[in-house]
PDB file of N, CA and C in Angstrom:
ATOM      1  N   MET A   1    -193.973  18.164 302.038  1.00  0.00           N
ATOM      2  CA  MET A   1    -193.398  19.265 302.776  1.00  0.00           C
ATOM      3  C   MET A   1    -192.030  19.657 302.206  1.00  0.00           C
ATOM      4  N   LYS A   2    -191.192  18.652 301.916  1.00  0.00           N
ATOM      5  CA  LYS A   2    -189.869  18.920 301.365  1.00  0.00           C
ATOM      6  C   LYS A   2    -189.982  19.565 299.989  1.00  0.00           C
ATOM      7  N   LYS A   3    -190.960  19.171 299.207  1.00  0.00           N
ATOM      8  CA  LYS A   3    -191.150  19.725 297.872  1.00  0.00           C
ATOM      9  C   LYS A   3    -191.564  21.197 297.951  1.00  0.00           C
ATOM     10  N   ASN A   4    -192.372  21.547 298.963  1.00  0.00           N
ATOM     11  CA  ASN A   4    -192.781  22.937 299.130  1.00  0.00           C
ATOM     12  C   ASN A   4    -191.590  23.829 299.464  1.00  0.00           C
ATOM     13  N   ILE A   5    -190.703  23.357 300.311  1.00  0.00           N
ATOM     14  CA  ILE A   5    -189.515  24.132 300.682  1.00  0.00           C
ATOM     15  C   ILE A   5    -188.604  24.322 299.464  1.00  0.00           C
ATOM     16  N   GLN A   6    -188.456  23.278 298.664  1.00  0.00           N
ATOM     17  CA  GLN A   6    -187.634  23.388 297.455  1.00  0.00           C
ATOM     18  C   GLN A   6    -188.243  24.395 296.488  1.00  0.00           C
ATOM     19  N   ASN A   7    -189.539  24.391 296.341  1.00  0.00           N
ATOM     20  CA  ASN A   7    -190.207  25.347 295.439  1.00  0.00           C
ATOM     21  C   ASN A   7    -190.030  26.779 295.938  1.00  0.00           C
ATOM     22  N   ILE A   8    -190.155  26.982 297.230  1.00  0.00           N
ATOM     23  CA  ILE A   8    -189.983  28.321 297.791  1.00  0.00           C
ATOM     24  C   ILE A   8    -188.549  28.801 297.601  1.00  0.00           C
ATOM     25  N   LEU A   9    -187.571  27.937 297.828  1.00  0.00           N
ATOM     26  CA  LEU A   9    -186.168  28.308 297.623  1.00  0.00           C
ATOM     27  C   LEU A   9    -185.883  28.616 296.157  1.00  0.00           C
ATOM     28  N   LEU A  10    -186.488  27.865 295.264  1.00  0.00           N
ATOM     29  CA  LEU A  10    -186.319  28.116 293.833  1.00  0.00           C
ATOM     30  C   LEU A  10    -186.905  29.472 293.456  1.00  0.00           C
ATOM     31  N   ILE A  11    -188.058  29.801 293.962  1.00  0.00           N
ATOM     32  CA  ILE A  11    -188.685  31.088 293.665  1.00  0.00           C
ATOM     33  C   ILE A  11    -187.843  32.239 294.223  1.00  0.00           C
ATOM     34  N   ILE A  12    -187.332  32.082 295.429  1.00  0.00           N
ATOM     35  CA  ILE A  12    -186.491  33.129 296.030  1.00  0.00           C
ATOM     36  C   ILE A  12    -185.214  33.316 295.220  1.00  0.00           C
ATOM     37  N   THR A  13    -184.606  32.218 294.784  1.00  0.00           N
ATOM     38  CA  THR A  13    -183.391  32.293 293.969  1.00  0.00           C
ATOM     39  C   THR A  13    -183.655  33.008 292.650  1.00  0.00           C
ATOM     40  N   ILE A  14    -184.758  32.684 292.023  1.00  0.00           N
ATOM     41  CA  ILE A  14    -185.114  33.336 290.755  1.00  0.00           C
ATOM     42  C   ILE A  14    -185.353  34.819 290.966  1.00  0.00           C
ATOM     43  N   LEU A  15    -186.030  35.191 292.036  1.00  0.00           N
ATOM     44  CA  LEU A  15    -186.274  36.605 292.320  1.00  0.00           C
ATOM     45  C   LEU A  15    -184.972  37.361 292.578  1.00  0.00           C
ATOM     46  N   ILE A  16    -184.048  36.755 293.299  1.00  0.00           N
ATOM     47  CA  ILE A  16    -182.760  37.399 293.563  1.00  0.00           C
ATOM     48  C   ILE A  16    -181.976  37.589 292.264  1.00  0.00           C
ATOM     49  N   LEU A  17    -181.949  36.571 291.421  1.00  0.00           N
ATOM     50  CA  LEU A  17    -181.246  36.682 290.139  1.00  0.00           C
ATOM     51  C   LEU A  17    -181.860  37.764 289.257  1.00  0.00           C
ATOM     52  N   CYS A  18    -183.176  37.811 289.206  1.00  0.00           N
ATOM     53  CA  CYS A  18    -183.854  38.844 288.406  1.00  0.00           C
ATOM     54  C   CYS A  18    -183.536  40.239 288.939  1.00  0.00           C
ATOM     55  N   THR A  19    -183.474  40.387 290.246  1.00  0.00           N
ATOM     56  CA  THR A  19    -183.143  41.680 290.842  1.00  0.00           C
ATOM     57  C   THR A  19    -181.733  42.114 290.445  1.00  0.00           C
ATOM     58  N   PHE A  20    -180.769  41.208 290.528  1.00  0.00           N
ATOM     59  CA  PHE A  20    -179.405  41.554 290.131  1.00  0.00           C
ATOM     60  C   PHE A  20    -179.320  41.892 288.648  1.00  0.00           C
ATOM     61  N   ILE A  21    -180.032  41.173 287.816  1.00  0.00           N
ATOM     62  CA  ILE A  21    -180.012  41.452 286.376  1.00  0.00           C
ATOM     63  C   ILE A  21    -180.583  42.833 286.093  1.00  0.00           C
ATOM     64  N   VAL A  22    -181.694  43.159 286.722  1.00  0.00           N
ATOM     65  CA  VAL A  22    -182.312  44.470 286.508  1.00  0.00           C
ATOM     66  C   VAL A  22    -181.402  45.583 287.013  1.00  0.00           C
ATOM     67  N   LEU A  23    -180.836  45.438 288.201  1.00  0.00           N
ATOM     68  CA  LEU A  23    -179.951  46.473 288.737  1.00  0.00           C
ATOM     69  C   LEU A  23    -178.700  46.644 287.891  1.00  0.00           C
ATOM     70  N   PHE A  24    -178.134  45.546 287.401  1.00  0.00           N
ATOM     71  CA  PHE A  24    -176.954  45.630 286.544  1.00  0.00           C
ATOM     72  C   PHE A  24    -177.280  46.331 285.233  1.00  0.00           C
ATOM     73  N   SER A  25    -178.413  45.991 284.630  1.00  0.00           N
ATOM     74  CA  SER A  25    -178.759  46.601 283.342  1.00  0.00           C
ATOM     75  C   SER A  25    -179.053  48.083 283.507  1.00  0.00           C
ATOM     76  N   ILE A  26    -179.698  48.481 284.604  1.00  0.00           N
ATOM     77  CA  ILE A  26    -179.955  49.901 284.839  1.00  0.00           C
ATOM     78  C   ILE A  26    -178.639  50.645 285.020  1.00  0.00           C
ATOM     79  N   ASN A  27    -177.725  50.085 285.783  1.00  0.00           N
ATOM     80  CA  ASN A  27    -176.433  50.727 286.013  1.00  0.00           C
ATOM     81  C   ASN A  27    -175.624  50.791 284.719  1.00  0.00           C
ATOM     82  N   TYR A  28    -175.657  49.744 283.924  1.00  0.00           N
ATOM     83  CA  TYR A  28    -174.887  49.711 282.677  1.00  0.00           C
ATOM     84  C   TYR A  28    -175.430  50.714 281.670  1.00  0.00           C
ATOM     85  N   LEU A  29    -176.738  50.819 281.560  1.00  0.00           N
ATOM     86  CA  LEU A  29    -177.332  51.716 280.570  1.00  0.00           C
ATOM     87  C   LEU A  29    -177.199  53.182 280.960  1.00  0.00           C
ATOM     88  N   ASN A  30    -177.043  53.480 282.244  1.00  0.00           N
ATOM     89  CA  ASN A  30    -176.967  54.864 282.699  1.00  0.00           C
ATOM     90  C   ASN A  30    -175.548  55.389 282.816  1.00  0.00           C
ATOM     91  N   THR A  31    -174.541  54.582 282.513  1.00  0.00           N
ATOM     92  CA  THR A  31    -173.169  55.067 282.638  1.00  0.00           C
ATOM     93  C   THR A  31    -172.870  56.053 281.522  1.00  0.00           C
ATOM     94  N   ASP A  32    -172.124  57.075 281.858  1.00  0.00           N
ATOM     95  CA  ASP A  32    -171.734  58.092 280.893  1.00  0.00           C
ATOM     96  C   ASP A  32    -170.477  57.611 280.183  1.00  0.00           C
ATOM     97  N   LYS A  33    -170.588  57.329 278.921  1.00  0.00           N
ATOM     98  CA  LYS A  33    -169.454  56.804 278.160  1.00  0.00           C
ATOM     99  C   LYS A  33    -168.686  57.977 277.553  1.00  0.00           C
ATOM    100  N   THR A  34    -167.469  58.189 278.046  1.00  0.00           N
ATOM    101  CA  THR A  34    -166.633  59.268 277.534  1.00  0.00           C
ATOM    102  C   THR A  34    -165.292  58.698 277.098  1.00  0.00           C
ATOM    103  N   ILE A  35    -164.665  59.397 276.202  1.00  0.00           N
ATOM    104  CA  ILE A  35    -163.324  59.026 275.754  1.00  0.00           C
ATOM    105  C   ILE A  35    -162.339  59.863 276.564  1.00  0.00           C
ATOM    106  N   ILE A  36    -161.410  59.212 277.250  1.00  0.00           N
ATOM    107  CA  ILE A  36    -160.459  59.922 278.105  1.00  0.00           C
ATOM    108  C   ILE A  36    -159.049  59.665 277.574  1.00  0.00           C
ATOM    109  N   LYS A  37    -158.291  60.738 277.397  1.00  0.00           N
ATOM    110  CA  LYS A  37    -156.909  60.619 276.944  1.00  0.00           C
ATOM    111  C   LYS A  37    -156.076  61.563 277.794  1.00  0.00           C
ATOM    112  N   SER A  38    -155.064  61.049 278.433  1.00  0.00           N
ATOM    113  CA  SER A  38    -154.171  61.821 279.300  1.00  0.00           C
ATOM    114  C   SER A  38    -154.961  62.539 280.392  1.00  0.00           C
ATOM    115  N   CYS A  39    -155.907  61.841 280.992  1.00  0.00           N
ATOM    116  CA  CYS A  39    -156.719  62.360 282.104  1.00  0.00           C
ATOM    117  C   CYS A  39    -157.551  63.581 281.720  1.00  0.00           C
ATOM    118  N   LYS A  40    -157.808  63.785 280.447  1.00  0.00           N
ATOM    119  CA  LYS A  40    -158.652  64.888 280.001  1.00  0.00           C
ATOM    120  C   LYS A  40    -159.815  64.314 279.210  1.00  0.00           C
ATOM    121  N   GLU A  41    -160.983  64.836 279.473  1.00  0.00           N
ATOM    122  CA  GLU A  41    -162.165  64.369 278.736  1.00  0.00           C
ATOM    123  C   GLU A  41    -162.166  65.048 277.378  1.00  0.00           C
ATOM    124  N   LEU A  42    -162.140  64.259 276.316  1.00  0.00           N
ATOM    125  CA  LEU A  42    -162.113  64.834 274.979  1.00  0.00           C
ATOM    126  C   LEU A  42    -163.517  65.097 274.454  1.00  0.00           C
ATOM    127  N   GLU A  43    -164.339  64.065 274.435  1.00  0.00           N
ATOM    128  CA  GLU A  43    -165.696  64.214 273.928  1.00  0.00           C
ATOM    129  C   GLU A  43    -166.508  62.999 274.331  1.00  0.00           C
ATOM    130  N   LYS A  44    -167.808  63.137 274.252  1.00  0.00           N
ATOM    131  CA  LYS A  44    -168.661  61.989 274.528  1.00  0.00           C
ATOM    132  C   LYS A  44    -168.596  61.044 273.343  1.00  0.00           C
ATOM    133  N   ALA A  45    -168.676  59.758 273.634  1.00  0.00           N
ATOM    134  CA  ALA A  45    -168.586  58.757 272.576  1.00  0.00           C
ATOM    135  C   ALA A  45    -169.794  58.873 271.656  1.00  0.00           C
ATOM    136  N   PRO A  46    -169.590  58.895 270.347  1.00  0.00           N
ATOM    137  CA  PRO A  46    -170.712  58.971 269.416  1.00  0.00           C
ATOM    138  C   PRO A  46    -171.470  57.654 269.365  1.00  0.00           C
ATOM    139  N   LYS A  47    -172.593  57.671 268.692  1.00  0.00           N
ATOM    140  CA  LYS A  47    -173.449  56.492 268.616  1.00  0.00           C
ATOM    141  C   LYS A  47    -173.075  55.585 267.433  1.00  0.00           C
ATOM    142  N   PHE A  48    -171.871  55.690 266.925  1.00  0.00           N
ATOM    143  CA  PHE A  48    -171.438  54.839 265.829  1.00  0.00           C
ATOM    144  C   PHE A  48    -170.050  54.284 266.111  1.00  0.00           C
ATOM    145  N   LEU A  49    -169.606  53.371 265.281  1.00  0.00           N
ATOM    146  CA  LEU A  49    -168.328  52.699 265.464  1.00  0.00           C
ATOM    147  C   LEU A  49    -167.242  53.424 264.673  1.00  0.00           C
ATOM    148  N   ALA A  50    -166.079  53.623 265.273  1.00  0.00           N
ATOM    149  CA  ALA A  50    -164.963  54.268 264.602  1.00  0.00           C
ATOM    150  C   ALA A  50    -163.784  53.305 264.573  1.00  0.00           C
ATOM    151  N   LEU A  51    -163.056  53.305 263.477  1.00  0.00           N
ATOM    152  CA  LEU A  51    -161.863  52.479 263.337  1.00  0.00           C
ATOM    153  C   LEU A  51    -160.665  53.315 263.770  1.00  0.00           C
ATOM    154  N   MET A  52    -159.930  52.821 264.759  1.00  0.00           N
ATOM    155  CA  MET A  52    -158.783  53.546 265.284  1.00  0.00           C
ATOM    156  C   MET A  52    -157.500  52.787 264.928  1.00  0.00           C
ATOM    157  N   TYR A  53    -156.435  53.531 264.688  1.00  0.00           N
ATOM    158  CA  TYR A  53    -155.148  52.883 264.479  1.00  0.00           C
ATOM    159  C   TYR A  53    -154.109  53.534 265.376  1.00  0.00           C
ATOM    160  N   GLU A  54    -153.126  52.730 265.777  1.00  0.00           N
ATOM    161  CA  GLU A  54    -152.080  53.215 266.662  1.00  0.00           C
ATOM    162  C   GLU A  54    -151.044  53.969 265.839  1.00  0.00           C
ATOM    163  N   THR A  55    -150.640  55.153 266.301  1.00  0.00           N
ATOM    164  CA  THR A  55    -149.731  55.992 265.526  1.00  0.00           C
ATOM    165  C   THR A  55    -148.347  55.362 265.398  1.00  0.00           C
ATOM    166  N   THR A  56    -147.771  54.903 266.492  1.00  0.00           N
ATOM    167  CA  THR A  56    -146.503  54.168 266.466  1.00  0.00           C
ATOM    168  C   THR A  56    -146.654  52.933 267.332  1.00  0.00           C
ATOM    169  N   PRO A  57    -145.924  51.889 267.023  1.00  0.00           N
ATOM    170  CA  PRO A  57    -146.072  50.655 267.802  1.00  0.00           C
ATOM    171  C   PRO A  57    -145.832  50.879 269.295  1.00  0.00           C
ATOM    172  N   GLU A  58    -146.720  50.351 270.103  1.00  0.00           N
ATOM    173  CA  GLU A  58    -146.654  50.388 271.568  1.00  0.00           C
ATOM    174  C   GLU A  58    -146.588  51.803 272.140  1.00  0.00           C
ATOM    175  N   SER A  59    -147.119  52.797 271.414  1.00  0.00           N
ATOM    176  CA  SER A  59    -147.104  54.172 271.932  1.00  0.00           C
ATOM    177  C   SER A  59    -148.332  54.462 272.782  1.00  0.00           C
ATOM    178  N   GLY A  60    -149.429  53.772 272.503  1.00  0.00           N
ATOM    179  CA  GLY A  60    -150.652  54.019 273.245  1.00  0.00           C
ATOM    180  C   GLY A  60    -151.431  55.208 272.725  1.00  0.00           C
ATOM    181  N   GLU A  61    -150.992  55.820 271.632  1.00  0.00           N
ATOM    182  CA  GLU A  61    -151.682  56.934 271.032  1.00  0.00           C
ATOM    183  C   GLU A  61    -152.410  56.445 269.783  1.00  0.00           C
ATOM    184  N   TYR A  62    -153.669  56.819 269.669  1.00  0.00           N
ATOM    185  CA  TYR A  62    -154.499  56.343 268.565  1.00  0.00           C
ATOM    186  C   TYR A  62    -155.110  57.506 267.821  1.00  0.00           C
ATOM    187  N   GLN A  63    -155.337  57.302 266.515  1.00  0.00           N
ATOM    188  CA  GLN A  63    -156.013  58.284 265.683  1.00  0.00           C
ATOM    189  C   GLN A  63    -157.195  57.609 264.989  1.00  0.00           C
ATOM    190  N   VAL A  64    -158.213  58.399 264.698  1.00  0.00           N
ATOM    191  CA  VAL A  64    -159.384  57.872 263.992  1.00  0.00           C
ATOM    192  C   VAL A  64    -159.019  57.710 262.521  1.00  0.00           C
ATOM    193  N   SER A  65    -159.341  56.555 261.969  1.00  0.00           N
ATOM    194  CA  SER A  65    -159.086  56.315 260.556  1.00  0.00           C
ATOM    195  C   SER A  65    -160.107  57.059 259.718  1.00  0.00           C
ATOM    196  N   THR A  66    -159.675  57.541 258.547  1.00  0.00           N
ATOM    197  CA  THR A  66    -160.604  58.273 257.680  1.00  0.00           C
ATOM    198  C   THR A  66    -161.377  57.330 256.792  1.00  0.00           C
TER     199      THR A  66
END
């Protein structure tokens, strides 16, 4: 009897974890990734990696490297 209860609790725990994983992945994949600078939307993030450098130390302003 005790083994049956442990098995049921294990199955419920696994189902809850799977539900959270699926919901998190759906939410993560559907987020709109935009680049925001000074509270203005500049453009949607491209599907590739860009190297950015800071214009002056500790300024918080970045430019795309060529």
